[in-house]
Amino acid sequence: MAGPEGTPVLVEEAPPSLAFIAGHEALPALSAWTDAVLERLALPARTDYALRLCIEEMVANLLLHALRPERPVQVRLTILAAPLRLLIEDDAAAFDPTAQPEPEPASDLDHAAIGGRGLPLVRRFSLGLRYTRDSGWNRVEIRLA
């Protein structure tokens, strides 16, 4: 692409983004989008795994805890580069994942609680989480590199 008099014009590609209504019906499209984006990004194996894990855990939390029969929940996922970040936005009730405490360790496997391990996994596979609430939207940015 050229500008006036043939001068080069920098064309920046928009970051990969997906918008959907939260629900189990959206999972095949989410999976296909994730596969396509990660194939294009060609990340190191550990970073690829971490990004997939963060997407899956954060969307699972929305499906398990944010859905309400009276109103659909809108979700937007965006993958940003330099540094690599996952941005998850939803218009569900306010929920700050950074304020959630770590679960108590179980004394043994027989007494371990089921559930409650997703956010700790996201914390361990990322370099940090940041939460804001703006105009009725939760916004979680997860830094991965």
C-alpha atoms as a PDB file:
ATOM      1  CA  MET A   1       0.000   0.000   0.000  1.00  0.00           C
ATOM      2  CA  ALA A   2       1.347   3.422  -0.842  1.00  0.00           C
ATOM      3  CA  GLY A   3       0.495   6.890   0.382  1.00  0.00           C
ATOM      4  CA  PRO A   4       0.692  10.209  -1.445  1.00  0.00           C
ATOM      5  CA  GLU A   5       3.350  10.248  -4.151  1.00  0.00           C
ATOM      6  CA  GLY A   6       4.164   6.588  -3.571  1.00  0.00           C
ATOM      7  CA  THR A   7       5.413   6.976  -0.007  1.00  0.00           C
ATOM      8  CA  PRO A   8       5.108   3.768   2.019  1.00  0.00           C
ATOM      9  CA  VAL A   9       2.297   3.590   4.548  1.00  0.00           C
ATOM     10  CA  LEU A  10       2.589   1.355   7.568  1.00  0.00           C
ATOM     11  CA  VAL A  11      -0.448  -0.901   7.819  1.00  0.00           C
ATOM     12  CA  GLU A  12      -0.814  -2.422  11.244  1.00  0.00           C
ATOM     13  CA  GLU A  13      -2.880  -5.545  11.475  1.00  0.00           C
ATOM     14  CA  ALA A  14      -5.627  -5.428  14.071  1.00  0.00           C
ATOM     15  CA  PRO A  15      -4.997  -7.759  17.009  1.00  0.00           C
ATOM     16  CA  PRO A  16      -6.856 -11.068  16.814  1.00  0.00           C
ATOM     17  CA  SER A  17     -10.205 -10.670  18.539  1.00  0.00           C
ATOM     18  CA  LEU A  18     -13.356 -12.753  18.995  1.00  0.00           C
ATOM     19  CA  ALA A  19     -16.741 -11.582  20.304  1.00  0.00           C
ATOM     20  CA  PHE A  20     -19.458 -14.033  21.322  1.00  0.00           C
ATOM     21  CA  ILE A  21     -22.399 -14.631  23.625  1.00  0.00           C
ATOM     22  CA  ALA A  22     -21.257 -16.797  26.539  1.00  0.00           C
ATOM     23  CA  GLY A  23     -22.670 -20.290  26.299  1.00  0.00           C
ATOM     24  CA  HIS A  24     -21.671 -23.816  25.488  1.00  0.00           C
ATOM     25  CA  GLU A  25     -22.770 -23.243  21.874  1.00  0.00           C
ATOM     26  CA  ALA A  26     -19.860 -20.824  21.428  1.00  0.00           C
ATOM     27  CA  LEU A  27     -17.161 -23.313  22.433  1.00  0.00           C
ATOM     28  CA  PRO A  28     -16.510 -24.859  18.973  1.00  0.00           C
ATOM     29  CA  ALA A  29     -16.000 -21.400  17.427  1.00  0.00           C
ATOM     30  CA  LEU A  30     -13.796 -20.366  20.364  1.00  0.00           C
ATOM     31  CA  SER A  31     -11.686 -23.502  19.966  1.00  0.00           C
ATOM     32  CA  ALA A  32     -11.290 -22.972  16.206  1.00  0.00           C
ATOM     33  CA  TRP A  33     -10.392 -19.295  16.698  1.00  0.00           C
ATOM     34  CA  THR A  34      -7.826 -20.177  19.381  1.00  0.00           C
ATOM     35  CA  ASP A  35      -6.229 -22.831  17.161  1.00  0.00           C
ATOM     36  CA  ALA A  36      -6.042 -20.464  14.173  1.00  0.00           C
ATOM     37  CA  VAL A  37      -4.587 -17.557  16.148  1.00  0.00           C
ATOM     38  CA  LEU A  38      -2.004 -19.681  17.939  1.00  0.00           C
ATOM     39  CA  GLU A  39      -0.953 -21.344  14.695  1.00  0.00           C
ATOM     40  CA  ARG A  40      -0.406 -17.901  13.169  1.00  0.00           C
ATOM     41  CA  LEU A  41       1.503 -16.636  16.223  1.00  0.00           C
ATOM     42  CA  ALA A  42       3.815 -19.679  16.267  1.00  0.00           C
ATOM     43  CA  LEU A  43       4.640 -19.237  19.944  1.00  0.00           C
ATOM     44  CA  PRO A  44       7.075 -21.416  21.872  1.00  0.00           C
ATOM     45  CA  ALA A  45       5.322 -24.549  23.176  1.00  0.00           C
ATOM     46  CA  ARG A  46       5.180 -23.408  26.812  1.00  0.00           C
ATOM     47  CA  THR A  47       3.753 -19.992  25.899  1.00  0.00           C
ATOM     48  CA  ASP A  48       1.226 -21.580  23.528  1.00  0.00           C
ATOM     49  CA  TYR A  49       0.116 -23.922  26.337  1.00  0.00           C
ATOM     50  CA  ALA A  50      -0.091 -21.069  28.856  1.00  0.00           C
ATOM     51  CA  LEU A  51      -2.219 -18.940  26.526  1.00  0.00           C
ATOM     52  CA  ARG A  52      -4.577 -21.842  25.781  1.00  0.00           C
ATOM     53  CA  LEU A  53      -4.885 -22.632  29.472  1.00  0.00           C
ATOM     54  CA  CYS A  54      -5.684 -19.014  30.340  1.00  0.00           C
ATOM     55  CA  ILE A  55      -8.338 -18.770  27.611  1.00  0.00           C
ATOM     56  CA  GLU A  56      -9.960 -22.044  28.676  1.00  0.00           C
ATOM     57  CA  GLU A  57      -9.944 -21.291  32.398  1.00  0.00           C
ATOM     58  CA  MET A  58     -11.246 -17.744  32.088  1.00  0.00           C
ATOM     59  CA  VAL A  59     -14.040 -18.748  29.688  1.00  0.00           C
ATOM     60  CA  ALA A  60     -14.906 -21.747  31.884  1.00  0.00           C
ATOM     61  CA  ASN A  61     -15.257 -19.370  34.859  1.00  0.00           C
ATOM     62  CA  LEU A  62     -17.647 -17.222  32.845  1.00  0.00           C
ATOM     63  CA  LEU A  63     -19.722 -20.242  31.839  1.00  0.00           C
ATOM     64  CA  LEU A  64     -19.833 -21.626  35.375  1.00  0.00           C
ATOM     65  CA  HIS A  65     -20.352 -18.443  37.364  1.00  0.00           C
ATOM     66  CA  ALA A  66     -21.506 -15.502  35.233  1.00  0.00           C
ATOM     67  CA  LEU A  67     -24.372 -16.830  33.145  1.00  0.00           C
ATOM     68  CA  ARG A  68     -27.854 -15.700  34.118  1.00  0.00           C
ATOM     69  CA  PRO A  69     -31.094 -16.871  32.500  1.00  0.00           C
ATOM     70  CA  GLU A  70     -32.483 -13.340  32.388  1.00  0.00           C
ATOM     71  CA  ARG A  71     -29.708 -11.870  30.228  1.00  0.00           C
ATOM     72  CA  PRO A  72     -27.031 -13.179  27.852  1.00  0.00           C
ATOM     73  CA  VAL A  73     -23.426 -12.314  28.669  1.00  0.00           C
ATOM     74  CA  GLN A  74     -21.306 -10.765  25.929  1.00  0.00           C
ATOM     75  CA  VAL A  75     -17.632 -11.719  25.814  1.00  0.00           C
ATOM     76  CA  ARG A  76     -14.685 -10.342  23.837  1.00  0.00           C
ATOM     77  CA  LEU A  77     -11.264 -11.977  23.720  1.00  0.00           C
ATOM     78  CA  THR A  78      -8.283 -10.173  22.240  1.00  0.00           C
ATOM     79  CA  ILE A  79      -4.689 -11.315  21.991  1.00  0.00           C
ATOM     80  CA  LEU A  80      -2.230  -8.438  22.114  1.00  0.00           C
ATOM     81  CA  ALA A  81       1.481  -8.603  21.315  1.00  0.00           C
ATOM     82  CA  ALA A  82       4.652  -6.933  22.597  1.00  0.00           C
ATOM     83  CA  PRO A  83       4.338  -7.987  25.359  1.00  0.00           C
ATOM     84  CA  LEU A  84       1.996 -10.929  24.816  1.00  0.00           C
ATOM     85  CA  ARG A  85      -1.299 -10.389  26.657  1.00  0.00           C
ATOM     86  CA  LEU A  86      -4.768 -11.887  26.684  1.00  0.00           C
ATOM     87  CA  LEU A  87      -7.587  -9.404  27.183  1.00  0.00           C
ATOM     88  CA  ILE A  88     -10.925 -10.817  28.333  1.00  0.00           C
ATOM     89  CA  GLU A  89     -13.900  -8.481  28.514  1.00  0.00           C
ATOM     90  CA  ASP A  90     -17.445  -9.356  29.559  1.00  0.00           C
ATOM     91  CA  ASP A  91     -20.576  -7.503  30.567  1.00  0.00           C
ATOM     92  CA  ALA A  92     -21.512  -9.859  33.402  1.00  0.00           C
ATOM     93  CA  ALA A  93     -21.757  -8.783  37.047  1.00  0.00           C
ATOM     94  CA  ALA A  94     -18.588  -7.224  38.426  1.00  0.00           C
ATOM     95  CA  PHE A  95     -15.985  -9.825  39.351  1.00  0.00           C
ATOM     96  CA  ASP A  96     -12.354  -9.085  40.136  1.00  0.00           C
ATOM     97  CA  PRO A  97     -10.284 -12.265  39.774  1.00  0.00           C
ATOM     98  CA  THR A  98      -7.244 -10.494  41.214  1.00  0.00           C
ATOM     99  CA  ALA A  99      -9.078 -10.121  44.534  1.00  0.00           C
ATOM    100  CA  GLN A 100      -9.801 -13.836  44.901  1.00  0.00           C
ATOM    101  CA  PRO A 101      -7.709 -15.599  47.548  1.00  0.00           C
ATOM    102  CA  GLU A 102      -5.650 -18.680  46.852  1.00  0.00           C
ATOM    103  CA  PRO A 103      -7.494 -21.846  47.922  1.00  0.00           C
ATOM    104  CA  GLU A 104      -6.348 -23.559  51.081  1.00  0.00           C
ATOM    105  CA  PRO A 105      -4.121 -26.531  50.315  1.00  0.00           C
ATOM    106  CA  ALA A 106      -5.730 -29.884  51.073  1.00  0.00           C
ATOM    107  CA  SER A 107      -4.187 -32.091  53.723  1.00  0.00           C
ATOM    108  CA  ASP A 108      -4.285 -34.954  51.218  1.00  0.00           C
ATOM    109  CA  LEU A 109      -5.863 -35.834  47.878  1.00  0.00           C
ATOM    110  CA  ASP A 110      -8.873 -37.522  49.505  1.00  0.00           C
ATOM    111  CA  HIS A 111      -9.794 -34.222  51.169  1.00  0.00           C
ATOM    112  CA  ALA A 112      -9.044 -31.916  48.243  1.00  0.00           C
ATOM    113  CA  ALA A 113     -11.981 -29.751  47.190  1.00  0.00           C
ATOM    114  CA  ILE A 114     -13.185 -30.066  43.617  1.00  0.00           C
ATOM    115  CA  GLY A 115     -13.009 -26.775  41.763  1.00  0.00           C
ATOM    116  CA  GLY A 116     -11.473 -23.470  42.702  1.00  0.00           C
ATOM    117  CA  ARG A 117      -8.160 -24.200  41.011  1.00  0.00           C
ATOM    118  CA  GLY A 118      -8.644 -22.327  37.711  1.00  0.00           C
ATOM    119  CA  LEU A 119      -7.566 -18.859  38.834  1.00  0.00           C
ATOM    120  CA  PRO A 120      -4.489 -20.197  40.659  1.00  0.00           C
ATOM    121  CA  LEU A 121      -3.521 -22.000  37.438  1.00  0.00           C
ATOM    122  CA  VAL A 122      -3.921 -18.785  35.447  1.00  0.00           C
ATOM    123  CA  ARG A 123      -1.757 -16.958  38.009  1.00  0.00           C
ATOM    124  CA  ARG A 124       0.970 -19.603  37.791  1.00  0.00           C
ATOM    125  CA  PHE A 125       1.033 -19.712  33.980  1.00  0.00           C
ATOM    126  CA  SER A 126       1.045 -15.938  33.547  1.00  0.00           C
ATOM    127  CA  LEU A 127       3.247 -13.040  34.572  1.00  0.00           C
ATOM    128  CA  GLY A 128       0.367 -11.110  36.092  1.00  0.00           C
ATOM    129  CA  LEU A 129      -3.300 -10.170  35.952  1.00  0.00           C
ATOM    130  CA  ARG A 130      -4.861  -6.725  35.939  1.00  0.00           C
ATOM    131  CA  TYR A 131      -8.577  -6.048  36.428  1.00  0.00           C
ATOM    132  CA  THR A 132     -10.679  -2.982  35.725  1.00  0.00           C
ATOM    133  CA  ARG A 133     -14.424  -2.362  35.551  1.00  0.00           C
ATOM    134  CA  ASP A 134     -15.495   0.225  32.990  1.00  0.00           C
ATOM    135  CA  SER A 135     -18.990   1.149  31.763  1.00  0.00           C
ATOM    136  CA  GLY A 136     -20.491  -2.138  32.912  1.00  0.00           C
ATOM    137  CA  TRP A 137     -17.690  -4.306  31.515  1.00  0.00           C
ATOM    138  CA  ASN A 138     -15.190  -6.467  33.384  1.00  0.00           C
ATOM    139  CA  ARG A 139     -11.779  -6.217  31.775  1.00  0.00           C
ATOM    140  CA  VAL A 140      -9.038  -8.703  32.700  1.00  0.00           C
ATOM    141  CA  GLU A 141      -5.637  -8.403  31.111  1.00  0.00           C
ATOM    142  CA  ILE A 142      -3.345 -11.403  31.550  1.00  0.00           C
ATOM    143  CA  ARG A 143       0.312 -10.851  30.740  1.00  0.00           C
ATOM    144  CA  LEU A 144       2.047 -13.891  29.307  1.00  0.00           C
ATOM    145  CA  ALA A 145       5.409 -12.590  28.089  1.00  0.00           C
END
